[in-house]
Structure formats: structure tokens, C-alpha cells
Amino acid sequence: MRFLLAVKVMLFTLLVPGAVTLYFPYSLLSRTGGNLQIAGLALSIPAAACILIGTAIYLRCAWDFAVKGLGTPAPIDPPKKLVVTGLYRRFRNPMYQGILLILVGESVLFLDRGLSLYTVLIAGVFHIFVVFYEEPVLHRRFGASYSDYCRTVPRWNFTFRAFTPDSA
């Protein structure tokens, strides 16, 4: 059972976040015809830090979805339990923010306007998806516990006041 769940999480990660953070940026960058500009050391270090931190955030969230939520990040196989631990105690959408941090790092590393525009577009898509699909679905699935969570934890901003569920 755990092995199958791990395989599903890895498959989703390769297909969706992998496409968003690797395939499409590569496609955008390859349109330069090999005339790719890479940032100097002063920007490369923070860019690499963004990519590494964003990756760590995503992986931690995927782990929490599998271990605490007994599901995957995929909307077709979501967690069975509401995940309000780890980074989710401080803000509601750290997985999306991890992906955006990777894209910001890539945009800075390659100094590419097209990639920067793509990052802004993806941020908008994430916001629309969260507001119009994900949050209503979570309200229906988890009811009052999700409503309490939403009242305490901001959608996108970090909070120093960590969420503590009543049932914990």
C-alpha cells in the first residue's frame, strides 16, 4: 500500500510539477537557439537557493500528503485526511509556493523575460485554481475543520501563529 502511494506521488511529481518547472521552462529557454544568458555569480547563488528551497518545500509537502493525508498532490487522488501539519501550519498553499520559488529561481538564473512572464502566469493559474476549485472542494470534503483552518491560516502569506487543530 505504501509502495503504491509512493509510486503515485512520484509519478504525479514527474508529470505535473516536473512539466511546470522543467519541461516548459526548458522549452521557453531553448527558443533562444543556444544563445542562453546565465546570471553571474551574484545572482546565481540566490537563484540556486530559491530552486533548492522550492524543491525542498515541494518534497516536504508531497511527503505530508502521503504520510499524514494518505493521498497524493493529484486532484484525482487527493489526501483522505486534511493536512494541517508541517508547512501547512503556517500557510495554506506551500506546495504551490515551492513551485513558484523554483520558477523564480530559474527566471533569475537564466535572466529570461519569457520565463519571468511564464512564472507570473503560473502564479495566476495557481491562484484561480485554488480559489475557484480547490478551496470549494476542500470545504465540501472537510467542512468545519477546513473552515477553522482557513480562518486561522492565510492562503498565501506566512503566519507566525501556527495552526493547532482542536483534535490534536
N, C-alpha and C. Protein backbone atom coordinates (compact mmCIF):
# COMPACT_ATOMS: atom_id res chain seq x y z
N MET A 1 0.83 -1.20 0.00
CA MET A 1 0.00 0.00 0.00
C MET A 1 0.88 1.27 0.00
N ARG A 2 1.88 1.32 0.91
CA ARG A 2 2.76 2.49 0.97
C ARG A 2 3.60 2.61 -0.29
N PHE A 3 4.03 1.48 -0.83
CA PHE A 3 4.82 1.50 -2.05
C PHE A 3 4.00 2.09 -3.20
N LEU A 4 2.75 1.66 -3.33
CA LEU A 4 1.87 2.17 -4.39
C LEU A 4 1.65 3.67 -4.22
N LEU A 5 1.45 4.12 -3.00
CA LEU A 5 1.27 5.54 -2.74
C LEU A 5 2.52 6.32 -3.13
N ALA A 6 3.69 5.80 -2.78
CA ALA A 6 4.95 6.45 -3.14
C ALA A 6 5.11 6.55 -4.65
N VAL A 7 4.75 5.49 -5.36
CA VAL A 7 4.84 5.49 -6.83
C VAL A 7 3.89 6.54 -7.42
N LYS A 8 2.66 6.63 -6.87
CA LYS A 8 1.71 7.62 -7.37
C LYS A 8 2.19 9.04 -7.13
N VAL A 9 2.78 9.29 -5.96
CA VAL A 9 3.31 10.63 -5.66
C VAL A 9 4.45 10.96 -6.60
N MET A 10 5.36 10.01 -6.83
CA MET A 10 6.49 10.25 -7.75
C MET A 10 6.01 10.48 -9.18
N LEU A 11 5.04 9.70 -9.61
CA LEU A 11 4.51 9.85 -10.96
C LEU A 11 3.87 11.22 -11.14
N PHE A 12 3.04 11.63 -10.19
CA PHE A 12 2.42 12.95 -10.26
C PHE A 12 3.50 14.03 -10.28
N THR A 13 4.50 13.89 -9.42
CA THR A 13 5.56 14.89 -9.32
C THR A 13 6.31 15.02 -10.65
N LEU A 14 6.60 13.92 -11.29
CA LEU A 14 7.28 13.97 -12.58
C LEU A 14 6.40 14.61 -13.65
N LEU A 15 5.12 14.26 -13.65
CA LEU A 15 4.24 14.73 -14.71
C LEU A 15 3.82 16.18 -14.56
N VAL A 16 3.39 16.59 -13.37
CA VAL A 16 2.82 17.93 -13.24
C VAL A 16 3.88 18.95 -12.79
N PRO A 17 4.36 18.89 -11.55
CA PRO A 17 5.40 19.87 -11.19
C PRO A 17 6.64 19.75 -12.08
N GLY A 18 6.96 18.53 -12.50
CA GLY A 18 8.10 18.35 -13.40
C GLY A 18 7.91 19.09 -14.72
N ALA A 19 6.71 19.01 -15.25
CA ALA A 19 6.42 19.72 -16.50
C ALA A 19 6.44 21.23 -16.29
N VAL A 20 5.84 21.68 -15.19
CA VAL A 20 5.74 23.12 -14.91
C VAL A 20 7.12 23.73 -14.64
N THR A 21 7.98 23.00 -13.92
CA THR A 21 9.26 23.58 -13.52
C THR A 21 10.45 23.18 -14.41
N LEU A 22 10.28 22.14 -15.20
CA LEU A 22 11.40 21.69 -16.04
C LEU A 22 11.08 21.73 -17.54
N TYR A 23 10.03 21.02 -17.95
CA TYR A 23 9.76 20.88 -19.38
C TYR A 23 9.42 22.23 -20.03
N PHE A 24 8.42 22.94 -19.49
CA PHE A 24 8.01 24.20 -20.11
C PHE A 24 9.09 25.28 -20.01
N PRO A 25 9.77 25.43 -18.86
CA PRO A 25 10.89 26.38 -18.85
C PRO A 25 11.99 26.02 -19.86
N TYR A 26 12.31 24.72 -19.97
CA TYR A 26 13.30 24.29 -20.95
C TYR A 26 12.84 24.67 -22.37
N SER A 27 11.56 24.44 -22.65
CA SER A 27 11.02 24.79 -23.97
C SER A 27 11.14 26.29 -24.23
N LEU A 28 10.83 27.09 -23.22
CA LEU A 28 10.94 28.54 -23.38
C LEU A 28 12.40 28.97 -23.58
N LEU A 29 13.29 28.39 -22.80
CA LEU A 29 14.70 28.76 -22.89
C LEU A 29 15.35 28.27 -24.17
N SER A 30 14.91 27.15 -24.70
CA SER A 30 15.54 26.60 -25.90
C SER A 30 15.17 27.39 -27.15
N ARG A 31 14.20 28.27 -27.06
CA ARG A 31 13.84 29.09 -28.21
C ARG A 31 14.91 30.12 -28.54
N THR A 32 15.88 30.31 -27.62
CA THR A 32 16.97 31.26 -27.86
C THR A 32 17.99 30.73 -28.85
N GLY A 33 17.88 29.47 -29.21
CA GLY A 33 18.79 28.88 -30.19
C GLY A 33 20.22 28.76 -29.69
N GLY A 34 20.38 28.46 -28.42
CA GLY A 34 21.71 28.28 -27.85
C GLY A 34 22.35 29.56 -27.38
N ASN A 35 21.64 30.68 -27.51
CA ASN A 35 22.16 31.97 -27.08
C ASN A 35 21.64 32.30 -25.68
N LEU A 36 21.77 31.35 -24.80
CA LEU A 36 21.23 31.44 -23.45
C LEU A 36 22.15 32.26 -22.56
N GLN A 37 21.57 33.22 -21.86
CA GLN A 37 22.35 34.04 -20.94
C GLN A 37 22.13 33.53 -19.53
N ILE A 38 23.22 33.25 -18.82
CA ILE A 38 23.13 32.79 -17.43
C ILE A 38 23.65 33.91 -16.54
N ALA A 39 22.97 34.10 -15.42
CA ALA A 39 23.33 35.16 -14.49
C ALA A 39 24.73 34.96 -13.96
N GLY A 40 25.33 36.06 -13.53
CA GLY A 40 26.64 35.99 -12.89
C GLY A 40 26.51 35.39 -11.49
N LEU A 41 27.63 35.24 -10.84
CA LEU A 41 27.67 34.60 -9.53
C LEU A 41 26.78 35.31 -8.50
N ALA A 42 26.72 36.63 -8.57
CA ALA A 42 25.92 37.39 -7.60
C ALA A 42 24.44 37.03 -7.66
N LEU A 43 23.94 36.65 -8.81
CA LEU A 43 22.54 36.23 -8.95
C LEU A 43 22.39 34.72 -8.96
N SER A 44 23.41 34.02 -9.38
CA SER A 44 23.33 32.55 -9.46
C SER A 44 23.16 31.90 -8.09
N ILE A 45 23.83 32.45 -7.09
CA ILE A 45 23.74 31.86 -5.74
C ILE A 45 22.33 32.01 -5.17
N PRO A 46 21.73 33.22 -5.18
CA PRO A 46 20.35 33.30 -4.69
C PRO A 46 19.37 32.52 -5.56
N ALA A 47 19.62 32.47 -6.88
CA ALA A 47 18.74 31.70 -7.77
C ALA A 47 18.79 30.22 -7.41
N ALA A 48 19.99 29.71 -7.20
CA ALA A 48 20.14 28.29 -6.81
C ALA A 48 19.49 28.04 -5.45
N ALA A 49 19.62 28.99 -4.53
CA ALA A 49 18.98 28.85 -3.22
C ALA A 49 17.47 28.78 -3.37
N CYS A 50 16.90 29.62 -4.23
CA CYS A 50 15.45 29.58 -4.48
C CYS A 50 15.03 28.23 -5.04
N ILE A 51 15.79 27.71 -5.98
CA ILE A 51 15.46 26.42 -6.59
C ILE A 51 15.55 25.30 -5.56
N LEU A 52 16.60 25.30 -4.75
CA LEU A 52 16.76 24.26 -3.73
C LEU A 52 15.69 24.36 -2.64
N ILE A 53 15.42 25.56 -2.16
CA ILE A 53 14.39 25.73 -1.12
C ILE A 53 13.02 25.38 -1.68
N GLY A 54 12.73 25.82 -2.89
CA GLY A 54 11.44 25.49 -3.52
C GLY A 54 11.26 23.99 -3.69
N THR A 55 12.33 23.31 -4.08
CA THR A 55 12.27 21.86 -4.23
C THR A 55 12.04 21.18 -2.88
N ALA A 56 12.75 21.66 -1.86
CA ALA A 56 12.57 21.09 -0.51
C ALA A 56 11.15 21.31 0.00
N ILE A 57 10.60 22.49 -0.26
CA ILE A 57 9.21 22.77 0.15
C ILE A 57 8.26 21.81 -0.54
N TYR A 58 8.40 21.67 -1.85
CA TYR A 58 7.51 20.77 -2.58
C TYR A 58 7.62 19.33 -2.04
N LEU A 59 8.84 18.85 -1.88
CA LEU A 59 9.03 17.47 -1.43
C LEU A 59 8.48 17.25 -0.02
N ARG A 60 8.66 18.23 0.86
CA ARG A 60 8.11 18.11 2.21
C ARG A 60 6.58 18.04 2.15
N CYS A 61 5.98 18.87 1.33
CA CYS A 61 4.52 18.88 1.21
C CYS A 61 4.01 17.57 0.61
N ALA A 62 4.69 17.07 -0.41
CA ALA A 62 4.28 15.79 -1.00
C ALA A 62 4.39 14.68 0.04
N TRP A 63 5.44 14.72 0.86
CA TRP A 63 5.62 13.75 1.95
C TRP A 63 4.45 13.84 2.93
N ASP A 64 4.09 15.07 3.33
CA ASP A 64 2.98 15.25 4.27
C ASP A 64 1.67 14.74 3.67
N PHE A 65 1.46 14.99 2.37
CA PHE A 65 0.24 14.50 1.73
C PHE A 65 0.18 12.98 1.80
N ALA A 66 1.31 12.32 1.56
CA ALA A 66 1.33 10.86 1.56
C ALA A 66 1.24 10.29 2.97
N VAL A 67 2.05 10.82 3.89
CA VAL A 67 2.15 10.24 5.23
C VAL A 67 0.99 10.67 6.13
N LYS A 68 0.71 11.96 6.18
CA LYS A 68 -0.35 12.47 7.07
C LYS A 68 -1.73 12.41 6.42
N GLY A 69 -1.78 12.70 5.11
CA GLY A 69 -3.06 12.76 4.43
C GLY A 69 -3.48 11.48 3.74
N LEU A 70 -2.55 10.54 3.60
CA LEU A 70 -2.82 9.26 2.93
C LEU A 70 -3.31 9.44 1.50
N GLY A 71 -2.68 10.38 0.79
CA GLY A 71 -3.05 10.63 -0.59
C GLY A 71 -1.89 11.26 -1.34
N THR A 72 -2.19 11.82 -2.48
CA THR A 72 -1.18 12.43 -3.34
C THR A 72 -1.55 13.89 -3.59
N PRO A 73 -0.64 14.68 -4.18
CA PRO A 73 -0.99 16.04 -4.57
C PRO A 73 -1.96 16.11 -5.76
N ALA A 74 -2.19 15.01 -6.43
CA ALA A 74 -3.05 15.00 -7.62
C ALA A 74 -4.51 15.18 -7.23
N PRO A 75 -5.22 16.08 -7.90
CA PRO A 75 -6.65 16.27 -7.60
C PRO A 75 -7.49 14.99 -7.81
N ILE A 76 -7.01 14.07 -8.63
CA ILE A 76 -7.77 12.83 -8.84
C ILE A 76 -7.51 11.80 -7.75
N ASP A 77 -6.50 12.02 -6.90
CA ASP A 77 -6.19 11.12 -5.80
C ASP A 77 -5.74 11.93 -4.58
N PRO A 78 -6.64 12.81 -4.08
CA PRO A 78 -6.25 13.73 -3.01
C PRO A 78 -6.10 13.01 -1.67
N PRO A 79 -5.49 13.70 -0.70
CA PRO A 79 -5.38 13.12 0.63
C PRO A 79 -6.77 12.82 1.22
N LYS A 80 -6.83 11.75 1.97
CA LYS A 80 -8.10 11.37 2.62
C LYS A 80 -8.33 12.16 3.89
N LYS A 81 -7.24 12.65 4.49
CA LYS A 81 -7.30 13.46 5.70
C LYS A 81 -6.81 14.87 5.38
N LEU A 82 -7.37 15.86 6.04
CA LEU A 82 -6.94 17.23 5.87
C LEU A 82 -5.52 17.38 6.43
N VAL A 83 -4.61 17.86 5.61
CA VAL A 83 -3.22 18.03 6.02
C VAL A 83 -3.05 19.44 6.59
N VAL A 84 -2.80 19.51 7.89
CA VAL A 84 -2.62 20.80 8.57
C VAL A 84 -1.35 20.78 9.43
N THR A 85 -0.40 19.95 9.04
CA THR A 85 0.86 19.84 9.78
C THR A 85 1.99 20.34 8.90
N GLY A 86 3.19 20.36 9.47
CA GLY A 86 4.35 20.80 8.70
C GLY A 86 4.19 22.24 8.25
N LEU A 87 4.52 22.50 7.01
CA LEU A 87 4.42 23.86 6.46
C LEU A 87 2.98 24.34 6.37
N TYR A 88 2.04 23.42 6.31
CA TYR A 88 0.62 23.78 6.23
C TYR A 88 0.11 24.43 7.51
N ARG A 89 0.88 24.37 8.58
CA ARG A 89 0.50 25.06 9.82
C ARG A 89 0.72 26.56 9.68
N ARG A 90 1.55 26.99 8.73
CA ARG A 90 1.93 28.41 8.61
C ARG A 90 1.30 29.12 7.41
N PHE A 91 1.00 28.38 6.35
CA PHE A 91 0.26 28.94 5.22
C PHE A 91 -0.37 27.81 4.44
N ARG A 92 -1.50 28.12 3.77
CA ARG A 92 -2.34 27.06 3.22
C ARG A 92 -1.81 26.44 1.93
N ASN A 93 -0.97 27.09 1.22
CA ASN A 93 -0.56 26.59 -0.09
C ASN A 93 0.95 26.54 -0.29
N PRO A 94 1.67 25.93 0.63
CA PRO A 94 3.13 25.93 0.48
C PRO A 94 3.62 25.15 -0.74
N MET A 95 2.88 24.14 -1.17
CA MET A 95 3.32 23.37 -2.33
C MET A 95 3.38 24.25 -3.58
N TYR A 96 2.34 25.05 -3.77
CA TYR A 96 2.33 25.97 -4.92
C TYR A 96 3.45 26.99 -4.77
N GLN A 97 3.67 27.47 -3.55
CA GLN A 97 4.71 28.46 -3.34
C GLN A 97 6.11 27.87 -3.58
N GLY A 98 6.28 26.60 -3.24
CA GLY A 98 7.55 25.94 -3.54
C GLY A 98 7.81 25.89 -5.04
N ILE A 99 6.77 25.56 -5.79
CA ILE A 99 6.91 25.51 -7.25
C ILE A 99 7.21 26.90 -7.81
N LEU A 100 6.50 27.91 -7.29
CA LEU A 100 6.76 29.28 -7.75
C LEU A 100 8.17 29.73 -7.39
N LEU A 101 8.66 29.32 -6.24
CA LEU A 101 10.03 29.67 -5.85
C LEU A 101 11.04 29.04 -6.80
N ILE A 102 10.80 27.82 -7.23
CA ILE A 102 11.66 27.18 -8.24
C ILE A 102 11.66 28.00 -9.52
N LEU A 103 10.47 28.41 -9.96
CA LEU A 103 10.36 29.19 -11.21
C LEU A 103 11.03 30.56 -11.08
N VAL A 104 10.89 31.19 -9.91
CA VAL A 104 11.57 32.47 -9.69
C VAL A 104 13.08 32.27 -9.78
N GLY A 105 13.56 31.22 -9.14
CA GLY A 105 14.99 30.91 -9.20
C GLY A 105 15.47 30.69 -10.63
N GLU A 106 14.68 29.95 -11.41
CA GLU A 106 15.04 29.71 -12.81
C GLU A 106 15.03 31.02 -13.61
N SER A 107 14.04 31.86 -13.35
CA SER A 107 13.96 33.15 -14.05
C SER A 107 15.17 34.02 -13.77
N VAL A 108 15.60 34.04 -12.51
CA VAL A 108 16.77 34.83 -12.13
C VAL A 108 18.05 34.19 -12.69
N LEU A 109 18.15 32.89 -12.61
CA LEU A 109 19.35 32.19 -13.08
C LEU A 109 19.58 32.41 -14.57
N PHE A 110 18.50 32.38 -15.36
CA PHE A 110 18.65 32.48 -16.81
C PHE A 110 18.35 33.86 -17.36
N LEU A 111 17.97 34.80 -16.47
CA LEU A 111 17.70 36.19 -16.89
C LEU A 111 16.81 36.24 -18.13
N ASP A 112 15.72 35.52 -18.09
CA ASP A 112 14.86 35.40 -19.27
C ASP A 112 13.49 36.02 -19.00
N ARG A 113 13.12 37.02 -19.80
CA ARG A 113 11.82 37.70 -19.63
C ARG A 113 10.65 36.76 -19.89
N GLY A 114 10.81 35.91 -20.89
CA GLY A 114 9.74 34.95 -21.19
C GLY A 114 9.48 34.01 -20.03
N LEU A 115 10.54 33.56 -19.40
CA LEU A 115 10.41 32.69 -18.23
C LEU A 115 9.82 33.44 -17.04
N SER A 116 10.17 34.72 -16.90
CA SER A 116 9.58 35.54 -15.84
C SER A 116 8.08 35.73 -16.07
N LEU A 117 7.71 35.98 -17.30
CA LEU A 117 6.29 36.12 -17.64
C LEU A 117 5.55 34.81 -17.40
N TYR A 118 6.16 33.71 -17.78
CA TYR A 118 5.60 32.37 -17.52
C TYR A 118 5.37 32.17 -16.02
N THR A 119 6.32 32.59 -15.20
CA THR A 119 6.20 32.45 -13.75
C THR A 119 5.00 33.24 -13.23
N VAL A 120 4.83 34.46 -13.71
CA VAL A 120 3.68 35.28 -13.31
C VAL A 120 2.38 34.62 -13.77
N LEU A 121 2.37 34.09 -14.97
CA LEU A 121 1.19 33.40 -15.50
C LEU A 121 0.85 32.18 -14.65
N ILE A 122 1.85 31.39 -14.29
CA ILE A 122 1.63 30.21 -13.45
C ILE A 122 1.09 30.63 -12.09
N ALA A 123 1.61 31.71 -11.52
CA ALA A 123 1.10 32.21 -10.23
C ALA A 123 -0.38 32.54 -10.34
N GLY A 124 -0.77 33.18 -11.44
CA GLY A 124 -2.18 33.50 -11.66
C GLY A 124 -3.04 32.25 -11.82
N VAL A 125 -2.53 31.27 -12.55
CA VAL A 125 -3.24 30.00 -12.72
C VAL A 125 -3.41 29.31 -11.37
N PHE A 126 -2.35 29.29 -10.56
CA PHE A 126 -2.45 28.68 -9.23
C PHE A 126 -3.52 29.38 -8.39
N HIS A 127 -3.52 30.70 -8.41
CA HIS A 127 -4.50 31.44 -7.60
C HIS A 127 -5.93 31.12 -8.04
N ILE A 128 -6.16 31.15 -9.33
CA ILE A 128 -7.50 30.86 -9.85
C ILE A 128 -7.91 29.43 -9.50
N PHE A 129 -7.00 28.48 -9.66
CA PHE A 129 -7.29 27.08 -9.34
C PHE A 129 -7.62 26.92 -7.85
N VAL A 130 -6.84 27.55 -7.00
CA VAL A 130 -7.06 27.45 -5.55
C VAL A 130 -8.41 28.05 -5.16
N VAL A 131 -8.69 29.25 -5.63
CA VAL A 131 -9.90 29.97 -5.23
C VAL A 131 -11.16 29.33 -5.80
N PHE A 132 -11.14 28.96 -7.07
CA PHE A 132 -12.37 28.50 -7.71
C PHE A 132 -12.56 26.99 -7.76
N TYR A 133 -11.52 26.21 -7.50
CA TYR A 133 -11.68 24.76 -7.49
C TYR A 133 -11.30 24.15 -6.13
N GLU A 134 -10.05 24.34 -5.76
CA GLU A 134 -9.52 23.61 -4.61
C GLU A 134 -10.22 23.97 -3.29
N GLU A 135 -10.37 25.25 -3.01
CA GLU A 135 -10.99 25.64 -1.74
C GLU A 135 -12.45 25.19 -1.64
N PRO A 136 -13.28 25.37 -2.68
CA PRO A 136 -14.65 24.85 -2.58
C PRO A 136 -14.71 23.34 -2.37
N VAL A 137 -13.82 22.61 -3.05
CA VAL A 137 -13.79 21.15 -2.89
C VAL A 137 -13.39 20.79 -1.46
N LEU A 138 -12.40 21.45 -0.92
CA LEU A 138 -11.96 21.16 0.45
C LEU A 138 -13.02 21.54 1.47
N HIS A 139 -13.76 22.63 1.22
CA HIS A 139 -14.87 23.00 2.12
C HIS A 139 -15.93 21.90 2.12
N ARG A 140 -16.24 21.36 0.96
CA ARG A 140 -17.24 20.28 0.89
C ARG A 140 -16.74 19.00 1.55
N ARG A 141 -15.47 18.67 1.34
CA ARG A 141 -14.91 17.42 1.89
C ARG A 141 -14.69 17.44 3.39
N PHE A 142 -14.19 18.57 3.89
CA PHE A 142 -13.77 18.60 5.28
C PHE A 142 -14.60 19.53 6.18
N GLY A 143 -15.51 20.26 5.60
CA GLY A 143 -16.47 21.05 6.36
C GLY A 143 -15.87 22.03 7.36
N ALA A 144 -16.36 21.94 8.61
CA ALA A 144 -15.99 22.89 9.65
C ALA A 144 -14.51 22.88 9.96
N SER A 145 -13.86 21.72 9.88
CA SER A 145 -12.42 21.69 10.19
C SER A 145 -11.63 22.50 9.16
N TYR A 146 -12.04 22.46 7.89
CA TYR A 146 -11.37 23.27 6.88
C TYR A 146 -11.69 24.75 7.06
N SER A 147 -12.92 25.06 7.42
CA SER A 147 -13.30 26.45 7.67
C SER A 147 -12.50 27.04 8.82
N ASP A 148 -12.32 26.28 9.91
CA ASP A 148 -11.50 26.73 11.03
C ASP A 148 -10.06 26.97 10.58
N TYR A 149 -9.57 26.06 9.80
CA TYR A 149 -8.21 26.16 9.27
C TYR A 149 -8.07 27.44 8.43
N CYS A 150 -9.03 27.70 7.56
CA CYS A 150 -8.98 28.89 6.69
C CYS A 150 -9.04 30.19 7.49
N ARG A 151 -9.79 30.19 8.59
CA ARG A 151 -9.88 31.39 9.42
C ARG A 151 -8.55 31.70 10.11
N THR A 152 -7.76 30.69 10.36
CA THR A 152 -6.52 30.86 11.12
C THR A 152 -5.29 31.02 10.23
N VAL A 153 -5.26 30.30 9.11
CA VAL A 153 -4.06 30.24 8.27
C VAL A 153 -4.32 30.97 6.95
N PRO A 154 -3.46 31.93 6.61
CA PRO A 154 -3.66 32.67 5.36
C PRO A 154 -3.42 31.81 4.12
N ARG A 155 -4.06 32.20 3.04
CA ARG A 155 -3.96 31.46 1.78
C ARG A 155 -2.54 31.49 1.23
N TRP A 156 -1.92 32.66 1.17
CA TRP A 156 -0.62 32.77 0.53
C TRP A 156 0.47 33.31 1.46
N ASN A 157 0.13 34.09 2.44
CA ASN A 157 1.12 34.70 3.32
C ASN A 157 1.51 33.78 4.46
N PHE A 158 2.74 33.88 4.86
CA PHE A 158 3.26 33.13 6.00
C PHE A 158 2.71 33.76 7.28
N THR A 159 2.37 32.94 8.26
CA THR A 159 1.96 33.45 9.56
C THR A 159 2.86 32.86 10.64
N PHE A 160 3.17 33.70 11.63
CA PHE A 160 3.99 33.22 12.74
C PHE A 160 3.14 32.45 13.75
N ARG A 161 1.83 32.67 13.71
CA ARG A 161 0.92 31.96 14.61
C ARG A 161 0.54 30.65 13.94
N ALA A 162 1.14 29.58 14.40
CA ALA A 162 0.92 28.26 13.79
C ALA A 162 -0.46 27.72 14.12
N PHE A 163 -1.06 27.07 13.15
CA PHE A 163 -2.36 26.44 13.32
C PHE A 163 -2.22 25.21 14.21
N THR A 164 -3.12 25.10 15.17
CA THR A 164 -3.17 23.93 16.02
C THR A 164 -4.60 23.41 16.00
N PRO A 165 -4.82 22.28 15.35
CA PRO A 165 -6.20 21.76 15.29
C PRO A 165 -6.67 21.34 16.66
N ASP A 166 -7.98 21.53 16.90
CA ASP A 166 -8.58 21.16 18.19
C ASP A 166 -8.41 19.69 18.50
N SER A 167 -8.40 18.86 17.46
CA SER A 167 -8.32 17.41 17.66
C SER A 167 -6.91 16.91 17.95
N ALA A 168 -5.92 17.80 17.84
CA ALA A 168 -4.53 17.38 18.06
C ALA A 168 -4.19 17.28 19.53
